[in-house]
Amino acid sequence: MDFDDDAAFSGSDIESDNECPSDDDGIVMQAVSGSEDGGGRGDSTDRDYQILAQEQLIPEMEQIIADVNVIVGLPPTICRILLHRFKWNRESLLERYYENTDNQQKFYKDAGIRCPITSGLGKERREAVTLGVCGICCDQSALVGLECAHKFCSDCWENYLCHKVADNSDAYLTCPAYKCEYAVDDDTVFSYFQRNPQMGKMYRKLIMYSFVESNRLLKWCPGADCGKVIKVQHFEARAVTCDCGMTFCFECSHEWHEPVNCRLLRLWAKKCSDDSETANWINANTKECPKCQVTIEKDGGCNHMTCKNSACKAEFCWMCLGPWEPHGSAWYSCNRFDDSAAKQARDAQERSRAALQRYLHYYNRFINHQHSLKLENKLYATVENKMEQMQQANFSWIEVQDKYRYVEQRRQVLLKHCAEGTERDTWRYTVQF
């Protein structure tokens, strides 16, 4: 998410390229019944969203700040802090502002800024420099601070702000004094970053990140080193494609996962990453010694078990987990196998085994599809090399790109219609001449 370090919160008008080649090739695959809607795939031929570079977000931020500035009458940097506290929700901020017209001091105090009515001399107090002992480094030096009256030396201020920004903690920085929630305005932050432009750039990045994360209609592209933002008109789970070629779900920012919804995808990802199936395997293939509770796996042999724990050495029946001595007359078959307790234990083990097998079945399919996707990426690289060879021959760059786009569009159409036909189990080809 890099952008020009010298850029202020202003920029050119938002530009978007909504023009794409036609998709009419004379070959149509029609479903026999039902809608042929693409299910919100966000195809480039019918794009109803914008792809914004980071500098194109600045005018939108400036407009929101200006709207608040007109009403509350505070500097833009202070308005930015107010908006951050309200997650850049202008309506929510103004509603709370009007609700506290009789007690505006509380409104500003909750936001961590001075009340302009009761603290008219705050700027002079902030800029006043006094000599004393810094509360951080304990050196005798010139001290500066905010309207909260907590003062520290300039070096400690700079180190503190650099540390907070480098940690990517938040775009809302507070006074370094213990339990002081007074906000540091943007002008003060940038004044300490004059000797370190890289920190100023990182702070702008944090501000922009908070703006995007607080807006339901904006999402960062998850593509590697992309840094562009997708802006939609309505928030929903749908596929969007960035200029970098990354197609992802706007709701959860994962790769497009139709027909699985976001909730099921999160559950699947959690199941693949946690130890739930390990527990299922243990339940399905092991039992605990009834005396010392050591976990035992039985891979063959009879039901007569002897615990290998040197401090236990208990002998018990694998089927009913009861002492082995009463089973002596029954040799190596458990007469209590049909008892309710033993039957319940066996049923629980069978359920765990079935759940494990079901998970492994779908997990193997999932891994195979991921492997196929990697092979597809290698195929794309091969195609790109072939395109370069064609360009080095007698084909022009435009001609090669046209052929590539044509093949890619045909592939997308084929995949979409095959998925629809497979789902409905009824589709046919029609060829138009």
Protein backbone atom coordinates (compact mmCIF):
# COMPACT_ATOMS: atom_id res chain seq x y z
CA MET A 1 0.00 0.00 0.00
CA ASP A 2 2.55 2.59 -1.12
CA PHE A 3 1.73 6.00 -2.41
CA ASP A 4 3.49 9.29 -2.95
CA ASP A 5 5.01 10.52 0.32
CA ASP A 6 4.67 14.14 -0.73
CA ALA A 7 0.97 13.85 -1.50
CA ALA A 8 -1.29 15.79 0.85
CA PHE A 9 -4.89 14.82 1.37
CA SER A 10 -5.87 16.02 -2.07
CA GLY A 11 -5.78 14.52 -5.53
CA SER A 12 -7.21 14.27 -8.98
CA ASP A 13 -10.70 13.15 -9.81
CA ILE A 14 -11.42 9.45 -9.63
CA GLU A 15 -11.01 7.73 -12.94
CA SER A 16 -12.29 4.31 -13.83
CA ASP A 17 -12.08 2.26 -16.98
CA ASN A 18 -15.40 0.57 -17.57
CA GLU A 19 -14.87 -0.33 -21.21
CA CYS A 20 -14.24 -3.94 -22.10
CA PRO A 21 -14.36 -5.90 -25.33
CA SER A 22 -17.61 -7.40 -26.51
CA ASP A 23 -18.38 -10.97 -25.49
CA ASP A 24 -20.38 -11.93 -28.60
CA ASP A 25 -18.69 -14.69 -30.60
CA GLY A 26 -21.64 -16.46 -32.21
CA ILE A 27 -21.33 -19.52 -29.96
CA VAL A 28 -23.84 -19.70 -27.13
CA MET A 29 -24.36 -22.33 -24.45
CA GLN A 30 -27.84 -22.04 -23.05
CA ALA A 31 -29.42 -23.63 -20.04
CA VAL A 32 -32.73 -25.27 -20.73
CA SER A 33 -34.45 -23.54 -17.85
CA GLY A 34 -33.72 -20.88 -15.26
CA SER A 35 -31.88 -17.60 -15.23
CA GLU A 36 -28.49 -17.24 -16.83
CA ASP A 37 -27.34 -14.68 -14.33
CA GLY A 38 -23.68 -15.05 -13.50
CA GLY A 39 -24.39 -15.03 -9.79
CA GLY A 40 -22.61 -11.75 -9.09
CA ARG A 41 -19.30 -12.76 -10.63
CA GLY A 42 -18.39 -9.16 -11.39
CA ASP A 43 -17.42 -9.85 -15.00
CA SER A 44 -15.47 -7.05 -16.60
CA THR A 45 -18.11 -6.78 -19.32
CA ASP A 46 -20.67 -5.59 -16.78
CA ARG A 47 -18.59 -3.93 -14.09
CA ASP A 48 -20.57 -1.89 -11.58
CA TYR A 49 -17.70 -1.16 -9.21
CA GLN A 50 -14.61 1.05 -9.28
CA ILE A 51 -10.95 0.18 -8.91
CA LEU A 52 -9.18 3.02 -7.13
CA ALA A 53 -5.53 3.79 -6.65
CA GLN A 54 -4.62 4.96 -3.16
CA GLU A 55 -4.26 8.60 -4.16
CA GLN A 56 -7.80 8.51 -5.55
CA LEU A 57 -9.14 7.92 -2.03
CA ILE A 58 -7.79 11.24 -0.81
CA PRO A 59 -10.51 13.44 -2.41
CA GLU A 60 -13.20 11.32 -0.76
CA MET A 61 -11.51 11.68 2.61
CA GLU A 62 -11.10 15.42 2.10
CA GLN A 63 -14.77 15.83 1.21
CA ILE A 64 -15.92 14.05 4.38
CA ILE A 65 -13.49 16.08 6.50
CA ALA A 66 -14.68 19.32 4.87
CA ASP A 67 -18.33 18.47 5.58
CA VAL A 68 -17.56 17.95 9.26
CA ASN A 69 -15.32 21.02 9.39
CA VAL A 70 -18.15 23.28 8.24
CA ILE A 71 -20.36 22.15 11.13
CA VAL A 72 -18.00 21.74 14.09
CA GLY A 73 -15.62 24.54 13.08
CA LEU A 74 -12.43 22.72 14.02
CA PRO A 75 -9.21 22.37 11.98
CA PRO A 76 -9.23 19.56 9.40
CA THR A 77 -6.69 17.49 11.34
CA ILE A 78 -8.94 17.57 14.42
CA CYS A 79 -11.96 16.68 12.28
CA ARG A 80 -9.99 13.69 11.00
CA ILE A 81 -9.53 12.49 14.58
CA LEU A 82 -13.26 12.86 15.25
CA LEU A 83 -14.07 10.88 12.11
CA HIS A 84 -11.62 8.17 13.07
CA ARG A 85 -13.30 7.80 16.47
CA PHE A 86 -16.64 7.37 14.69
CA LYS A 87 -15.20 4.98 12.06
CA TRP A 88 -15.50 7.63 9.35
CA ASN A 89 -19.28 7.62 9.71
CA ARG A 90 -20.15 11.25 9.09
CA GLU A 91 -23.84 10.82 9.92
CA SER A 92 -23.09 9.07 13.22
CA LEU A 93 -20.61 11.77 14.22
CA LEU A 94 -22.98 14.64 13.47
CA GLU A 95 -25.86 12.88 15.19
CA ARG A 96 -23.79 12.50 18.35
CA TYR A 97 -22.62 16.12 18.01
CA TYR A 98 -26.18 17.46 17.95
CA GLU A 99 -27.22 15.17 20.82
CA ASN A 100 -24.57 16.85 23.00
CA THR A 101 -25.21 20.48 22.11
CA ASP A 102 -25.85 21.21 25.81
CA ASN A 103 -22.72 19.38 26.91
CA GLN A 104 -20.18 19.73 24.12
CA GLN A 105 -17.31 19.51 26.58
CA LYS A 106 -18.19 15.84 27.18
CA PHE A 107 -18.43 15.23 23.43
CA TYR A 108 -14.92 16.52 22.81
CA LYS A 109 -13.52 14.87 25.94
CA ASP A 110 -14.78 11.46 24.82
CA ALA A 111 -13.00 12.02 21.50
CA GLY A 112 -9.76 12.98 23.27
CA ILE A 113 -9.54 16.56 22.02
CA ARG A 114 -9.92 19.95 23.67
CA CYS A 115 -13.25 21.73 23.69
CA PRO A 116 -12.91 24.91 21.57
CA ILE A 117 -15.37 26.71 23.86
CA THR A 118 -13.61 26.18 27.19
CA SER A 119 -10.00 25.95 25.91
CA GLY A 120 -9.57 28.90 23.64
CA LEU A 121 -5.93 29.35 24.65
CA GLY A 122 -5.03 25.73 24.07
CA LYS A 123 -2.74 26.44 21.12
CA GLU A 124 -0.68 28.93 23.09
CA ARG A 125 -0.43 26.48 25.98
CA ARG A 126 0.63 23.70 23.61
CA GLU A 127 3.33 25.78 21.95
CA ALA A 128 4.76 27.03 25.25
CA VAL A 129 8.22 25.60 25.93
CA THR A 130 9.37 25.09 29.49
CA LEU A 131 12.57 23.81 31.07
CA GLY A 132 12.38 20.77 33.30
CA VAL A 133 12.99 17.06 33.69
CA CYS A 134 11.51 14.88 30.94
CA GLY A 135 9.19 12.25 32.37
CA ILE A 136 10.49 9.63 29.89
CA CYS A 137 14.27 10.00 29.64
CA CYS A 138 14.63 11.95 32.94
CA ASP A 139 17.01 14.44 31.31
CA GLN A 140 16.95 18.19 31.96
CA SER A 141 15.81 19.77 28.70
CA ALA A 142 13.21 21.91 26.96
CA LEU A 143 9.78 20.34 27.28
CA VAL A 144 6.80 20.62 24.95
CA GLY A 145 3.35 19.09 25.14
CA LEU A 146 -0.33 19.20 24.30
CA GLU A 147 -3.30 20.92 25.94
CA CYS A 148 -3.39 18.12 28.53
CA ALA A 149 -0.31 19.81 30.10
CA HIS A 150 1.86 16.66 29.93
CA LYS A 151 5.22 17.74 28.56
CA PHE A 152 8.24 15.82 27.33
CA CYS A 153 11.42 16.59 25.41
CA SER A 154 11.31 16.69 21.61
CA ASP A 155 13.49 13.61 21.20
CA CYS A 156 11.18 11.50 23.37
CA TRP A 157 8.15 12.81 21.52
CA GLU A 158 9.71 11.84 18.19
CA ASN A 159 10.81 8.40 19.42
CA TYR A 160 7.39 7.71 20.93
CA LEU A 161 5.48 8.67 17.78
CA CYS A 162 7.89 6.73 15.54
CA HIS A 163 7.49 3.65 17.73
CA LYS A 164 3.68 3.83 17.66
CA VAL A 165 3.56 4.29 13.89
CA ALA A 166 6.17 1.58 13.23
CA ASP A 167 4.03 -0.87 15.21
CA ASN A 168 1.11 -0.14 12.85
CA SER A 169 -1.02 0.19 15.96
CA ASP A 170 -3.52 2.82 14.92
CA ALA A 171 -3.99 6.16 13.19
CA TYR A 172 -5.21 7.51 16.53
CA LEU A 173 -2.19 8.49 18.64
CA THR A 174 -2.51 9.66 22.23
CA CYS A 175 -0.32 11.51 24.71
CA PRO A 176 2.54 9.33 26.01
CA ALA A 177 1.63 10.11 29.63
CA TYR A 178 0.27 7.16 31.63
CA LYS A 179 -3.50 6.71 31.13
CA CYS A 180 -3.79 9.99 29.23
CA GLU A 181 -6.24 9.61 26.33
CA TYR A 182 -5.62 13.04 24.84
CA ALA A 183 -5.26 12.75 21.06
CA VAL A 184 -2.23 13.99 19.15
CA ASP A 185 -3.42 15.94 16.11
CA ASP A 186 -1.99 15.24 12.66
CA ASP A 187 -0.15 18.58 12.42
CA THR A 188 1.79 17.76 15.58
CA VAL A 189 2.59 14.24 14.36
CA PHE A 190 3.91 15.43 11.00
CA SER A 191 5.96 18.18 12.67
CA TYR A 192 7.96 15.50 14.50
CA PHE A 193 8.39 13.48 11.31
CA GLN A 194 10.11 16.24 9.35
CA ARG A 195 13.48 14.56 9.87
CA ASN A 196 12.02 11.14 9.06
CA PRO A 197 9.86 11.33 5.89
CA GLN A 198 9.44 7.54 5.86
CA MET A 199 7.52 7.71 9.14
CA GLY A 200 5.29 10.40 7.70
CA LYS A 201 4.56 8.11 4.78
CA MET A 202 3.71 5.23 7.13
CA TYR A 203 1.41 7.48 9.16
CA ARG A 204 -0.49 8.52 6.03
CA LYS A 205 -0.79 4.83 5.21
CA LEU A 206 -2.36 4.17 8.62
CA ILE A 207 -4.86 6.99 8.09
CA MET A 208 -5.83 5.61 4.70
CA TYR A 209 -6.02 2.07 6.06
CA SER A 210 -8.43 3.17 8.79
CA PHE A 211 -10.56 4.95 6.19
CA VAL A 212 -10.86 1.84 4.01
CA GLU A 213 -11.39 -0.56 6.92
CA SER A 214 -14.17 1.62 8.34
CA ASN A 215 -16.06 1.87 5.04
CA ARG A 216 -18.23 -1.14 4.14
CA LEU A 217 -18.17 -0.13 0.47
CA LEU A 218 -14.36 -0.21 0.21
CA LYS A 219 -12.00 -3.20 0.28
CA TRP A 220 -8.27 -3.59 -0.25
CA CYS A 221 -7.34 -5.95 -3.04
CA PRO A 222 -5.71 -9.02 -1.41
CA GLY A 223 -3.44 -9.53 -4.42
CA ALA A 224 0.29 -9.60 -3.75
CA ASP A 225 1.81 -6.09 -3.78
CA CYS A 226 -1.33 -4.63 -5.36
CA GLY A 227 -2.52 -1.97 -2.93
CA LYS A 228 -5.56 -0.91 -4.95
CA VAL A 229 -9.04 -0.48 -3.49
CA ILE A 230 -12.36 -1.80 -4.80
CA LYS A 231 -15.38 0.46 -4.33
CA VAL A 232 -18.87 -1.01 -4.76
CA GLN A 233 -22.33 0.52 -4.66
CA HIS A 234 -23.86 -2.06 -2.32
CA PHE A 235 -22.20 -4.35 0.23
CA GLU A 236 -22.75 -8.02 -0.58
CA ALA A 237 -20.90 -11.28 -1.11
CA ARG A 238 -19.91 -11.02 -4.75
CA ALA A 239 -16.91 -11.53 -7.00
CA VAL A 240 -14.83 -8.52 -7.97
CA THR A 241 -11.74 -8.52 -10.17
CA CYS A 242 -8.91 -6.04 -9.66
CA ASP A 243 -6.65 -4.67 -12.38
CA CYS A 244 -3.92 -7.02 -11.12
CA GLY A 245 -6.09 -9.98 -12.15
CA MET A 246 -7.06 -11.03 -8.62
CA THR A 247 -10.69 -12.15 -8.33
CA PHE A 248 -11.95 -12.27 -4.76
CA CYS A 249 -15.08 -12.14 -2.64
CA PHE A 250 -15.88 -8.59 -1.60
CA GLU A 251 -17.40 -9.65 1.73
CA CYS A 252 -14.59 -11.83 3.13
CA SER A 253 -11.64 -10.84 0.85
CA HIS A 254 -10.83 -14.50 0.10
CA GLU A 255 -10.52 -15.89 -3.39
CA TRP A 256 -13.94 -16.16 -5.04
CA HIS A 257 -15.57 -19.25 -3.56
CA GLU A 258 -18.90 -19.68 -5.35
CA PRO A 259 -21.13 -21.58 -4.53
CA VAL A 260 -19.88 -21.78 -0.92
CA ASN A 261 -20.95 -18.83 1.23
CA CYS A 262 -18.52 -16.91 3.41
CA ARG A 263 -19.69 -18.47 6.67
CA LEU A 264 -19.07 -22.02 5.44
CA LEU A 265 -15.70 -21.00 4.03
CA ARG A 266 -14.65 -19.62 7.42
CA LEU A 267 -15.80 -22.83 9.11
CA TRP A 268 -13.85 -24.92 6.59
CA ALA A 269 -10.69 -22.84 7.02
CA LYS A 270 -10.99 -23.13 10.79
CA LYS A 271 -11.53 -26.89 10.58
CA CYS A 272 -8.43 -27.29 8.39
CA SER A 273 -6.28 -25.24 10.77
CA ASP A 274 -7.41 -26.48 14.19
CA ASP A 275 -7.01 -29.88 15.87
CA SER A 276 -10.64 -31.00 15.71
CA GLU A 277 -9.89 -33.83 13.30
CA THR A 278 -6.91 -34.89 15.37
CA ALA A 279 -9.31 -35.32 18.27
CA ASN A 280 -11.64 -37.30 15.99
CA TRP A 281 -8.78 -39.61 15.03
CA ILE A 282 -7.87 -40.14 18.68
CA ASN A 283 -11.48 -40.90 19.58
CA ALA A 284 -11.86 -43.27 16.63
CA ASN A 285 -8.63 -45.23 17.07
CA THR A 286 -7.63 -45.07 20.72
CA LYS A 287 -9.01 -45.58 24.23
CA GLU A 288 -7.82 -44.60 27.68
CA CYS A 289 -6.62 -47.04 30.29
CA PRO A 290 -9.44 -47.22 32.87
CA LYS A 291 -6.89 -47.02 35.70
CA CYS A 292 -4.23 -44.45 34.73
CA GLN A 293 -5.94 -42.81 31.71
CA VAL A 294 -2.95 -43.31 29.40
CA THR A 295 -4.01 -43.20 25.73
CA ILE A 296 -3.67 -46.60 24.02
CA GLU A 297 -3.92 -47.47 20.31
CA LYS A 298 -4.91 -51.02 19.39
CA ASP A 299 -3.64 -52.07 15.96
CA GLY A 300 -4.43 -55.80 16.17
CA GLY A 301 -4.60 -58.81 18.43
CA CYS A 302 -7.19 -59.85 20.99
CA ASN A 303 -9.21 -57.79 23.41
CA HIS A 304 -6.95 -58.60 26.38
CA MET A 305 -5.05 -55.36 26.99
CA THR A 306 -2.13 -54.77 29.36
CA CYS A 307 -1.22 -51.16 30.09
CA LYS A 308 2.45 -50.50 29.32
CA ASN A 309 2.68 -47.74 31.90
CA SER A 310 5.27 -49.05 34.36
CA ALA A 311 3.36 -47.54 37.26
CA CYS A 312 0.06 -49.13 36.19
CA LYS A 313 0.27 -52.52 34.39
CA ALA A 314 -3.53 -52.81 34.55
CA GLU A 315 -5.18 -55.62 32.58
CA PHE A 316 -8.54 -54.79 31.05
CA CYS A 317 -10.90 -55.61 28.20
CA TRP A 318 -10.61 -53.44 25.09
CA MET A 319 -14.32 -53.74 24.32
CA CYS A 320 -15.92 -52.86 27.67
CA LEU A 321 -12.85 -51.36 29.45
CA GLY A 322 -13.68 -53.50 32.46
CA PRO A 323 -11.14 -55.55 34.45
CA TRP A 324 -9.92 -58.58 32.52
CA GLU A 325 -10.21 -61.05 35.40
CA PRO A 326 -14.02 -61.55 35.07
CA HIS A 327 -13.46 -62.33 31.37
CA GLY A 328 -11.26 -65.32 32.10
CA SER A 329 -13.95 -67.92 31.52
CA ALA A 330 -14.93 -66.26 28.25
CA TRP A 331 -11.39 -66.55 26.93
CA TYR A 332 -10.86 -63.70 24.47
CA SER A 333 -14.44 -62.66 23.74
CA CYS A 334 -16.28 -60.07 25.84
CA ASN A 335 -19.61 -61.33 27.16
CA ARG A 336 -20.54 -57.80 28.17
CA PHE A 337 -20.18 -56.44 24.67
CA ASP A 338 -23.91 -55.74 24.37
CA ASP A 339 -24.12 -53.86 27.67
CA SER A 340 -25.46 -50.35 27.23
CA ALA A 341 -22.26 -48.63 28.39
CA ALA A 342 -20.10 -50.65 26.02
CA LYS A 343 -22.55 -50.14 23.18
CA GLN A 344 -22.58 -46.38 23.72
CA ALA A 345 -18.79 -46.28 23.72
CA ARG A 346 -18.69 -48.28 20.49
CA ASP A 347 -21.29 -46.04 18.84
CA ALA A 348 -19.36 -42.93 19.83
CA GLN A 349 -16.21 -44.42 18.35
CA GLU A 350 -17.99 -45.27 15.11
CA ARG A 351 -19.34 -41.73 14.85
CA SER A 352 -15.86 -40.31 15.33
CA ARG A 353 -14.48 -42.70 12.71
CA ALA A 354 -17.22 -41.75 10.23
CA ALA A 355 -16.67 -38.03 10.84
CA LEU A 356 -12.93 -38.49 10.29
CA GLN A 357 -13.44 -40.39 7.03
CA ARG A 358 -15.89 -37.76 5.78
CA TYR A 359 -13.46 -34.97 6.57
CA LEU A 360 -10.52 -36.74 4.91
CA HIS A 361 -12.61 -37.33 1.79
CA TYR A 362 -13.42 -33.65 1.32
CA TYR A 363 -10.01 -32.48 2.48
CA ASN A 364 -8.28 -34.63 -0.16
CA ARG A 365 -10.57 -33.18 -2.82
CA PHE A 366 -9.77 -29.68 -1.56
CA ILE A 367 -6.02 -30.34 -1.72
CA ASN A 368 -6.33 -31.79 -5.23
CA HIS A 369 -8.16 -28.69 -6.42
CA GLN A 370 -5.47 -26.49 -4.91
CA HIS A 371 -2.82 -28.53 -6.71
CA SER A 372 -4.75 -28.15 -9.96
CA LEU A 373 -4.85 -24.39 -9.41
CA LYS A 374 -1.06 -24.31 -9.07
CA LEU A 375 -0.76 -26.24 -12.34
CA GLU A 376 -3.10 -23.70 -13.95
CA ASN A 377 -0.80 -20.90 -12.80
CA LYS A 378 2.14 -22.69 -14.40
CA LEU A 379 0.09 -23.00 -17.57
CA TYR A 380 -0.54 -19.26 -17.52
CA ALA A 381 3.21 -18.66 -17.26
CA THR A 382 3.75 -20.96 -20.25
CA VAL A 383 1.14 -19.06 -22.24
CA GLU A 384 2.82 -15.75 -21.39
CA ASN A 385 6.14 -17.09 -22.64
CA LYS A 386 4.45 -18.23 -25.83
CA MET A 387 2.95 -14.76 -26.24
CA GLU A 388 6.41 -13.22 -25.96
CA GLN A 389 7.66 -15.60 -28.65
CA MET A 390 4.77 -14.60 -30.90
CA GLN A 391 5.59 -10.93 -30.37
CA GLN A 392 9.20 -11.58 -31.31
CA ALA A 393 7.91 -13.14 -34.52
CA ASN A 394 5.73 -11.22 -36.96
CA PHE A 395 2.76 -10.66 -34.59
CA SER A 396 2.11 -7.21 -33.17
CA TRP A 397 1.54 -6.65 -29.43
CA ILE A 398 -2.09 -5.65 -30.00
CA GLU A 399 -2.76 -8.75 -32.10
CA VAL A 400 -1.31 -11.05 -29.42
CA GLN A 401 -3.28 -9.34 -26.66
CA ASP A 402 -6.49 -9.61 -28.67
CA LYS A 403 -5.97 -13.35 -29.10
CA TYR A 404 -5.21 -13.75 -25.41
CA ARG A 405 -8.32 -11.83 -24.31
CA TYR A 406 -10.45 -13.78 -26.76
CA VAL A 407 -9.27 -17.15 -25.41
CA GLU A 408 -9.61 -16.00 -21.78
CA GLN A 409 -13.16 -14.74 -22.31
CA ARG A 410 -14.16 -17.99 -24.02
CA ARG A 411 -12.68 -19.93 -21.11
CA GLN A 412 -14.65 -17.88 -18.56
CA VAL A 413 -17.89 -18.33 -20.52
CA LEU A 414 -17.31 -22.08 -20.82
CA LEU A 415 -16.57 -22.50 -17.12
CA LYS A 416 -19.61 -20.49 -16.07
CA HIS A 417 -22.01 -22.37 -18.31
CA CYS A 418 -20.53 -25.75 -17.43
CA ALA A 419 -21.00 -24.94 -13.74
CA GLU A 420 -24.59 -23.88 -14.34
CA GLY A 421 -25.33 -26.95 -16.44
CA THR A 422 -23.77 -29.29 -13.92
CA GLU A 423 -25.73 -27.72 -11.09
CA ARG A 424 -29.05 -27.99 -12.97
CA ASP A 425 -28.19 -31.26 -14.70
CA THR A 426 -29.73 -29.96 -17.91
CA TRP A 427 -28.01 -27.87 -20.59
CA ARG A 428 -27.32 -27.98 -24.30
CA TYR A 429 -25.10 -26.38 -26.94
CA THR A 430 -26.48 -24.16 -29.67
CA VAL A 431 -24.31 -22.89 -32.50
CA GLN A 432 -25.31 -19.76 -34.37
CA PHE A 433 -24.11 -19.18 -37.92
